Amino acid sequence: MARTALQIAKDAAAKLGIEQPDALFTGSDRTHIELRRALVEAADKIVQSHDWQILLTLETHDGDGSTTEFPVPDDYLRMPKDAQIWSTKWETPLEHITPEEWLNLDIREYELVYGTWTIYGGNFVHKPALDADEDAKFWYVSNAVITPTSGANKATFTADEDTFRLDDRVLELMLVAQWRKQKSLDYAEEMRDAEIALARDIERDRGARIIGQASRPNYRAKTAYPWKITP
């Protein structure tokens, strides 16, 4: 069973040789405030370190023939490394372009022969618009790593009874290192222990790798320029 934020803080306090808090998020004692801050920052370091499988969330954009912008999900943190957006219309993934490349396509009003996407202004933007019978699907990393006693998962600790959806042992180790860092104490050994445990968790989360001999299609290949080039 996952430990609560308060219990993790108490266990870390025992290792640090400081008074164990009776409350973490309602206390005004300086120690409580420092532990609370270190806990939140330690959790953020863990979340940012890897595209955790438990946080991967599937998103679908339903085309209607005219809509080009879809809001970023409320719990959106980032796209996974090497993320692709796949469409029911195309055999290859949609081409990820930068906002500058999108602007170039928009100004020149090219008639595209492939789908593209980018992110700006808090929206996923498609060019051309998804067809009425077209769906685009992709994975994103959610920031909802905290489970409260009731309600939806959330991005950060805000209550003593909140629990961490990832490994709370790694969180405790990272909390100890982070607290010592905040206090300008030597934290090299504590951080090394936390990073070793974190690296092991990341390897387990990635799972076994399958080595295959067959060649795979290069979905990263760029689409050929479809217009005549004149000197």
C-alpha atoms as a PDB file:
ATOM      1  CA  MET A   1       0.000   0.000   0.000  1.00  0.00           C
ATOM      2  CA  ALA A   2       1.349   3.421  -0.940  1.00  0.00           C
ATOM      3  CA  ARG A   3       2.401   5.658   1.913  1.00  0.00           C
ATOM      4  CA  THR A   4       0.803   9.056   2.355  1.00  0.00           C
ATOM      5  CA  ALA A   5       2.715  12.307   1.932  1.00  0.00           C
ATOM      6  CA  LEU A   6       2.772  12.715   5.705  1.00  0.00           C
ATOM      7  CA  GLN A   7       4.171   9.221   6.294  1.00  0.00           C
ATOM      8  CA  ILE A   8       6.891   9.703   3.673  1.00  0.00           C
ATOM      9  CA  ALA A   9       7.847  12.986   5.343  1.00  0.00           C
ATOM     10  CA  LYS A  10       7.938  11.305   8.769  1.00  0.00           C
ATOM     11  CA  ASP A  11      10.170   8.492   7.500  1.00  0.00           C
ATOM     12  CA  ALA A  12      12.476  11.004   5.821  1.00  0.00           C
ATOM     13  CA  ALA A  13      12.603  13.100   9.004  1.00  0.00           C
ATOM     14  CA  ALA A  14      13.749  10.050  10.963  1.00  0.00           C
ATOM     15  CA  LYS A  15      16.649   9.595   8.531  1.00  0.00           C
ATOM     16  CA  LEU A  16      17.489  13.290   8.696  1.00  0.00           C
ATOM     17  CA  GLY A  17      17.500  13.350  12.491  1.00  0.00           C
ATOM     18  CA  ILE A  18      14.854  16.038  12.733  1.00  0.00           C
ATOM     19  CA  GLU A  19      11.504  16.155  14.496  1.00  0.00           C
ATOM     20  CA  GLN A  20       8.799  14.168  12.745  1.00  0.00           C
ATOM     21  CA  PRO A  21       5.858  16.371  11.713  1.00  0.00           C
ATOM     22  CA  ASP A  22       2.351  15.715  13.021  1.00  0.00           C
ATOM     23  CA  ALA A  23       1.004  17.517   9.963  1.00  0.00           C
ATOM     24  CA  LEU A  24       2.681  18.594   6.750  1.00  0.00           C
ATOM     25  CA  PHE A  25       0.325  20.784   4.734  1.00  0.00           C
ATOM     26  CA  THR A  26      -1.501  22.417   7.622  1.00  0.00           C
ATOM     27  CA  GLY A  27       1.517  23.067   9.819  1.00  0.00           C
ATOM     28  CA  SER A  28       3.253  26.446   9.955  1.00  0.00           C
ATOM     29  CA  ASP A  29       6.429  25.241  11.652  1.00  0.00           C
ATOM     30  CA  ARG A  30       9.541  25.966   9.592  1.00  0.00           C
ATOM     31  CA  THR A  31      10.473  22.299   9.502  1.00  0.00           C
ATOM     32  CA  HIS A  32       7.063  21.448   8.086  1.00  0.00           C
ATOM     33  CA  ILE A  33       7.399  24.099   5.410  1.00  0.00           C
ATOM     34  CA  GLU A  34      10.895  22.907   4.440  1.00  0.00           C
ATOM     35  CA  LEU A  35       9.832  19.261   4.268  1.00  0.00           C
ATOM     36  CA  ARG A  36       6.766  20.199   2.245  1.00  0.00           C
ATOM     37  CA  ARG A  37       8.816  22.163  -0.252  1.00  0.00           C
ATOM     38  CA  ALA A  38      11.421  19.404  -0.536  1.00  0.00           C
ATOM     39  CA  LEU A  39       8.699  16.772  -1.047  1.00  0.00           C
ATOM     40  CA  VAL A  40       7.080  18.679  -3.912  1.00  0.00           C
ATOM     41  CA  GLU A  41      10.415  19.331  -5.619  1.00  0.00           C
ATOM     42  CA  ALA A  42      11.550  15.720  -5.169  1.00  0.00           C
ATOM     43  CA  ALA A  43       8.345  14.437  -6.753  1.00  0.00           C
ATOM     44  CA  ASP A  44       8.786  16.812  -9.680  1.00  0.00           C
ATOM     45  CA  LYS A  45      12.344  15.579 -10.296  1.00  0.00           C
ATOM     46  CA  ILE A  46      11.096  11.996 -10.490  1.00  0.00           C
ATOM     47  CA  VAL A  47       8.206  12.819 -12.832  1.00  0.00           C
ATOM     48  CA  GLN A  48      10.454  14.816 -15.164  1.00  0.00           C
ATOM     49  CA  SER A  49      13.144  12.120 -15.322  1.00  0.00           C
ATOM     50  CA  HIS A  50      11.282   9.602 -17.505  1.00  0.00           C
ATOM     51  CA  ASP A  51       8.172   8.984 -19.604  1.00  0.00           C
ATOM     52  CA  TRP A  52       6.543   6.738 -17.004  1.00  0.00           C
ATOM     53  CA  GLN A  53       4.137   4.173 -18.426  1.00  0.00           C
ATOM     54  CA  ILE A  54       1.553   4.803 -15.723  1.00  0.00           C
ATOM     55  CA  LEU A  55       1.389   8.457 -16.825  1.00  0.00           C
ATOM     56  CA  LEU A  56       1.037   7.762 -20.560  1.00  0.00           C
ATOM     57  CA  THR A  57      -2.414   8.848 -21.707  1.00  0.00           C
ATOM     58  CA  LEU A  58      -4.070   8.306 -25.082  1.00  0.00           C
ATOM     59  CA  GLU A  59      -5.602  11.357 -26.751  1.00  0.00           C
ATOM     60  CA  THR A  60      -7.841  11.417 -29.837  1.00  0.00           C
ATOM     61  CA  HIS A  61      -8.603  14.340 -32.128  1.00  0.00           C
ATOM     62  CA  ASP A  62     -11.874  13.787 -34.009  1.00  0.00           C
ATOM     63  CA  GLY A  63     -11.872  15.508 -37.377  1.00  0.00           C
ATOM     64  CA  ASP A  64     -14.860  17.426 -38.745  1.00  0.00           C
ATOM     65  CA  GLY A  65     -13.378  18.752 -41.975  1.00  0.00           C
ATOM     66  CA  SER A  66     -12.748  22.281 -40.681  1.00  0.00           C
ATOM     67  CA  THR A  67     -11.327  22.316 -37.132  1.00  0.00           C
ATOM     68  CA  THR A  68      -7.560  22.777 -37.064  1.00  0.00           C
ATOM     69  CA  GLU A  69      -6.955  23.522 -33.349  1.00  0.00           C
ATOM     70  CA  PHE A  70      -7.519  21.170 -30.415  1.00  0.00           C
ATOM     71  CA  PRO A  71      -6.819  22.274 -26.822  1.00  0.00           C
ATOM     72  CA  VAL A  72      -3.967  20.680 -24.929  1.00  0.00           C
ATOM     73  CA  PRO A  73      -5.438  18.329 -22.250  1.00  0.00           C
ATOM     74  CA  ASP A  74      -5.732  19.819 -18.763  1.00  0.00           C
ATOM     75  CA  ASP A  75      -3.269  17.275 -17.349  1.00  0.00           C
ATOM     76  CA  TYR A  76      -0.801  17.569 -20.249  1.00  0.00           C
ATOM     77  CA  LEU A  77       2.860  17.582 -19.210  1.00  0.00           C
ATOM     78  CA  ARG A  78       4.720  16.802 -22.432  1.00  0.00           C
ATOM     79  CA  MET A  79       4.891  14.513 -25.425  1.00  0.00           C
ATOM     80  CA  PRO A  80       6.959  11.350 -24.899  1.00  0.00           C
ATOM     81  CA  LYS A  81      10.361  11.125 -26.524  1.00  0.00           C
ATOM     82  CA  ASP A  82      10.004  10.307 -30.249  1.00  0.00           C
ATOM     83  CA  ALA A  83       6.231  10.781 -29.999  1.00  0.00           C
ATOM     84  CA  GLN A  84       4.157  10.342 -33.141  1.00  0.00           C
ATOM     85  CA  ILE A  85       0.615  11.337 -34.042  1.00  0.00           C
ATOM     86  CA  TRP A  86      -1.105   8.680 -36.130  1.00  0.00           C
ATOM     87  CA  SER A  87      -4.068   9.396 -38.374  1.00  0.00           C
ATOM     88  CA  THR A  88      -6.666   7.049 -39.821  1.00  0.00           C
ATOM     89  CA  LYS A  89      -6.114   8.808 -43.165  1.00  0.00           C
ATOM     90  CA  TRP A  90      -2.372   8.383 -43.685  1.00  0.00           C
ATOM     91  CA  GLU A  91      -0.142   5.293 -43.684  1.00  0.00           C
ATOM     92  CA  THR A  92       2.703   7.207 -42.033  1.00  0.00           C
ATOM     93  CA  PRO A  93       2.532   9.423 -38.930  1.00  0.00           C
ATOM     94  CA  LEU A  94       1.674  13.076 -39.275  1.00  0.00           C
ATOM     95  CA  GLU A  95       4.719  15.276 -39.781  1.00  0.00           C
ATOM     96  CA  HIS A  96       5.774  17.266 -36.708  1.00  0.00           C
ATOM     97  CA  ILE A  97       6.734  20.790 -37.753  1.00  0.00           C
ATOM     98  CA  THR A  98       7.850  23.837 -35.783  1.00  0.00           C
ATOM     99  CA  PRO A  99       5.602  26.889 -35.378  1.00  0.00           C
ATOM    100  CA  GLU A 100       7.871  28.705 -37.864  1.00  0.00           C
ATOM    101  CA  GLU A 101       7.424  25.942 -40.444  1.00  0.00           C
ATOM    102  CA  TRP A 102       3.664  26.022 -39.817  1.00  0.00           C
ATOM    103  CA  LEU A 103       3.644  29.791 -40.427  1.00  0.00           C
ATOM    104  CA  ASN A 104       5.564  29.303 -43.672  1.00  0.00           C
ATOM    105  CA  LEU A 105       2.997  26.770 -44.879  1.00  0.00           C
ATOM    106  CA  ASP A 106       0.155  29.052 -43.815  1.00  0.00           C
ATOM    107  CA  ILE A 107       1.524  32.167 -45.540  1.00  0.00           C
ATOM    108  CA  ARG A 108       2.352  30.393 -48.783  1.00  0.00           C
ATOM    109  CA  GLU A 109      -0.952  28.485 -48.758  1.00  0.00           C
ATOM    110  CA  TYR A 110       0.581  25.263 -50.014  1.00  0.00           C
ATOM    111  CA  GLU A 111      -1.800  22.465 -50.900  1.00  0.00           C
ATOM    112  CA  LEU A 112      -0.350  19.775 -48.674  1.00  0.00           C
ATOM    113  CA  VAL A 113      -0.179  16.135 -49.710  1.00  0.00           C
ATOM    114  CA  TYR A 114       0.537  14.975 -46.144  1.00  0.00           C
ATOM    115  CA  GLY A 115      -0.694  15.845 -42.653  1.00  0.00           C
ATOM    116  CA  THR A 116       1.263  18.025 -40.241  1.00  0.00           C
ATOM    117  CA  TRP A 117       0.966  19.115 -36.628  1.00  0.00           C
ATOM    118  CA  THR A 118       2.557  21.484 -34.150  1.00  0.00           C
ATOM    119  CA  ILE A 119       1.795  23.007 -30.731  1.00  0.00           C
ATOM    120  CA  TYR A 120       1.376  26.695 -29.995  1.00  0.00           C
ATOM    121  CA  GLY A 121      -0.916  28.928 -27.954  1.00  0.00           C
ATOM    122  CA  GLY A 122      -1.994  26.002 -25.757  1.00  0.00           C
ATOM    123  CA  ASN A 123      -3.358  24.050 -28.733  1.00  0.00           C
ATOM    124  CA  PHE A 124      -2.427  21.172 -30.963  1.00  0.00           C
ATOM    125  CA  VAL A 125      -2.693  22.539 -34.490  1.00  0.00           C
ATOM    126  CA  HIS A 126      -3.235  20.441 -37.619  1.00  0.00           C
ATOM    127  CA  LYS A 127      -2.652  21.454 -41.218  1.00  0.00           C
ATOM    128  CA  PRO A 128      -4.627  20.603 -43.232  1.00  0.00           C
ATOM    129  CA  ALA A 129      -7.737  20.251 -41.056  1.00  0.00           C
ATOM    130  CA  LEU A 130      -8.599  16.668 -40.190  1.00  0.00           C
ATOM    131  CA  ASP A 131     -11.257  15.209 -42.493  1.00  0.00           C
ATOM    132  CA  ALA A 132     -14.776  14.597 -41.193  1.00  0.00           C
ATOM    133  CA  ASP A 133     -14.128  10.849 -40.978  1.00  0.00           C
ATOM    134  CA  GLU A 134     -10.512  11.169 -39.773  1.00  0.00           C
ATOM    135  CA  ASP A 135      -9.180  10.511 -36.285  1.00  0.00           C
ATOM    136  CA  ALA A 136      -5.690  11.409 -35.047  1.00  0.00           C
ATOM    137  CA  LYS A 137      -4.355   9.568 -31.995  1.00  0.00           C
ATOM    138  CA  PHE A 138      -1.237   9.978 -29.872  1.00  0.00           C
ATOM    139  CA  TRP A 139       0.242   9.417 -26.430  1.00  0.00           C
ATOM    140  CA  TYR A 140       1.115  12.211 -24.031  1.00  0.00           C
ATOM    141  CA  VAL A 141       2.624  12.206 -20.543  1.00  0.00           C
ATOM    142  CA  SER A 142       0.131  13.272 -17.897  1.00  0.00           C
ATOM    143  CA  ASN A 143       1.184  15.406 -14.939  1.00  0.00           C
ATOM    144  CA  ALA A 144      -1.430  13.731 -12.693  1.00  0.00           C
ATOM    145  CA  VAL A 145       1.021  11.828 -10.509  1.00  0.00           C
ATOM    146  CA  ILE A 146      -0.721  12.402  -7.161  1.00  0.00           C
ATOM    147  CA  THR A 147      -3.781  10.469  -5.945  1.00  0.00           C
ATOM    148  CA  PRO A 148      -5.976  12.309  -3.395  1.00  0.00           C
ATOM    149  CA  THR A 149      -8.357  10.645  -0.972  1.00  0.00           C
ATOM    150  CA  SER A 150     -11.205  11.600  -3.322  1.00  0.00           C
ATOM    151  CA  GLY A 151     -11.568  13.107  -6.761  1.00  0.00           C
ATOM    152  CA  ALA A 152      -9.320  13.013  -9.797  1.00  0.00           C
ATOM    153  CA  ASN A 153      -5.553  12.560  -9.769  1.00  0.00           C
ATOM    154  CA  LYS A 154      -3.607  15.828  -9.675  1.00  0.00           C
ATOM    155  CA  ALA A 155      -0.192  17.277 -10.457  1.00  0.00           C
ATOM    156  CA  THR A 156       1.212  18.024  -6.988  1.00  0.00           C
ATOM    157  CA  PHE A 157       0.891  17.231  -3.290  1.00  0.00           C
ATOM    158  CA  THR A 158      -1.544  19.483  -1.466  1.00  0.00           C
ATOM    159  CA  ALA A 159      -2.729  17.355   1.477  1.00  0.00           C
ATOM    160  CA  ASP A 160      -1.225  15.040   4.085  1.00  0.00           C
ATOM    161  CA  GLU A 161      -3.206  12.027   2.858  1.00  0.00           C
ATOM    162  CA  ASP A 162      -2.171  12.348  -0.803  1.00  0.00           C
ATOM    163  CA  THR A 163      -0.258   9.398  -2.257  1.00  0.00           C
ATOM    164  CA  PHE A 164       2.371   9.154  -5.001  1.00  0.00           C
ATOM    165  CA  ARG A 165       1.517   7.055  -8.068  1.00  0.00           C
ATOM    166  CA  LEU A 166       5.201   6.229  -8.634  1.00  0.00           C
ATOM    167  CA  ASP A 167       7.696   4.561  -6.278  1.00  0.00           C
ATOM    168  CA  ASP A 168       7.403   6.218  -2.866  1.00  0.00           C
ATOM    169  CA  ARG A 169      10.714   4.686  -1.724  1.00  0.00           C
ATOM    170  CA  VAL A 170      12.524   6.627  -4.449  1.00  0.00           C
ATOM    171  CA  LEU A 171      10.529   9.693  -3.437  1.00  0.00           C
ATOM    172  CA  GLU A 172      11.674   9.319   0.173  1.00  0.00           C
ATOM    173  CA  LEU A 173      15.325   9.041  -0.895  1.00  0.00           C
ATOM    174  CA  MET A 174      14.979  12.050  -3.181  1.00  0.00           C
ATOM    175  CA  LEU A 175      13.237  13.999  -0.404  1.00  0.00           C
ATOM    176  CA  VAL A 176      16.156  13.382   1.969  1.00  0.00           C
ATOM    177  CA  ALA A 177      18.658  14.582  -0.635  1.00  0.00           C
ATOM    178  CA  GLN A 178      16.541  17.602  -1.581  1.00  0.00           C
ATOM    179  CA  TRP A 179      16.073  18.688   2.049  1.00  0.00           C
ATOM    180  CA  ARG A 180      19.839  18.536   2.702  1.00  0.00           C
ATOM    181  CA  LYS A 181      20.431  20.525  -0.489  1.00  0.00           C
ATOM    182  CA  GLN A 182      17.968  23.202   0.669  1.00  0.00           C
ATOM    183  CA  LYS A 183      19.802  23.428   3.998  1.00  0.00           C
ATOM    184  CA  SER A 184      23.179  23.843   2.214  1.00  0.00           C
ATOM    185  CA  LEU A 185      24.381  20.554   3.707  1.00  0.00           C
ATOM    186  CA  ASP A 186      26.461  17.948   1.902  1.00  0.00           C
ATOM    187  CA  TYR A 187      23.951  15.863  -0.038  1.00  0.00           C
ATOM    188  CA  ALA A 188      26.158  14.058  -2.576  1.00  0.00           C
ATOM    189  CA  GLU A 189      25.810  10.600  -0.996  1.00  0.00           C
ATOM    190  CA  GLU A 190      22.052  10.937  -0.464  1.00  0.00           C
ATOM    191  CA  MET A 191      21.527  12.135  -4.039  1.00  0.00           C
ATOM    192  CA  ARG A 192      23.645   9.278  -5.380  1.00  0.00           C
ATOM    193  CA  ASP A 193      21.482   6.750  -3.505  1.00  0.00           C
ATOM    194  CA  ALA A 194      18.314   8.400  -4.829  1.00  0.00           C
ATOM    195  CA  GLU A 195      19.587   8.489  -8.409  1.00  0.00           C
ATOM    196  CA  ILE A 196      20.651   4.826  -8.331  1.00  0.00           C
ATOM    197  CA  ALA A 197      17.195   3.798  -7.101  1.00  0.00           C
ATOM    198  CA  LEU A 198      15.568   6.053  -9.693  1.00  0.00           C
ATOM    199  CA  ALA A 199      17.667   4.575 -12.513  1.00  0.00           C
ATOM    200  CA  ARG A 200      16.602   1.067 -11.489  1.00  0.00           C
ATOM    201  CA  ASP A 201      12.952   2.114 -11.526  1.00  0.00           C
ATOM    202  CA  ILE A 202      13.357   3.626 -14.976  1.00  0.00           C
ATOM    203  CA  GLU A 203      14.899   0.410 -16.334  1.00  0.00           C
ATOM    204  CA  ARG A 204      12.058  -1.664 -14.888  1.00  0.00           C
ATOM    205  CA  ASP A 205       9.496   0.721 -16.332  1.00  0.00           C
ATOM    206  CA  ARG A 206      11.030   0.483 -19.803  1.00  0.00           C
ATOM    207  CA  GLY A 207      10.687  -3.293 -19.766  1.00  0.00           C
ATOM    208  CA  ALA A 208      12.685  -5.879 -21.698  1.00  0.00           C
ATOM    209  CA  ARG A 209      13.998  -4.865 -25.100  1.00  0.00           C
ATOM    210  CA  ILE A 210      13.416  -7.129 -28.106  1.00  0.00           C
ATOM    211  CA  ILE A 211      16.251  -7.240 -30.599  1.00  0.00           C
ATOM    212  CA  GLY A 212      15.023  -8.008 -34.093  1.00  0.00           C
ATOM    213  CA  GLN A 213      16.863  -8.597 -37.353  1.00  0.00           C
ATOM    214  CA  ALA A 214      14.194  -7.429 -39.769  1.00  0.00           C
ATOM    215  CA  SER A 215      14.420  -3.901 -41.080  1.00  0.00           C
ATOM    216  CA  ARG A 216      11.720  -1.435 -40.086  1.00  0.00           C
ATOM    217  CA  PRO A 217      10.157   1.293 -42.207  1.00  0.00           C
ATOM    218  CA  ASN A 218      11.640   4.729 -41.648  1.00  0.00           C
ATOM    219  CA  TYR A 219       8.644   6.753 -40.482  1.00  0.00           C
ATOM    220  CA  ARG A 220      10.977   9.698 -39.859  1.00  0.00           C
ATOM    221  CA  ALA A 221      11.736  10.077 -43.580  1.00  0.00           C
ATOM    222  CA  LYS A 222      10.541  13.403 -44.952  1.00  0.00           C
ATOM    223  CA  THR A 223       7.882  13.521 -47.638  1.00  0.00           C
ATOM    224  CA  ALA A 224       9.273  14.555 -51.015  1.00  0.00           C
ATOM    225  CA  TYR A 225       8.581  18.143 -52.088  1.00  0.00           C
ATOM    226  CA  PRO A 226       5.565  17.687 -54.384  1.00  0.00           C
ATOM    227  CA  TRP A 227       5.893  20.745 -56.591  1.00  0.00           C
ATOM    228  CA  LYS A 228       8.027  21.677 -59.569  1.00  0.00           C
ATOM    229  CA  ILE A 229      11.116  23.639 -58.605  1.00  0.00           C
ATOM    230  CA  THR A 230      12.030  26.353 -61.086  1.00  0.00           C
ATOM    231  CA  PRO A 231      15.344  28.179 -61.154  1.00  0.00           C
END
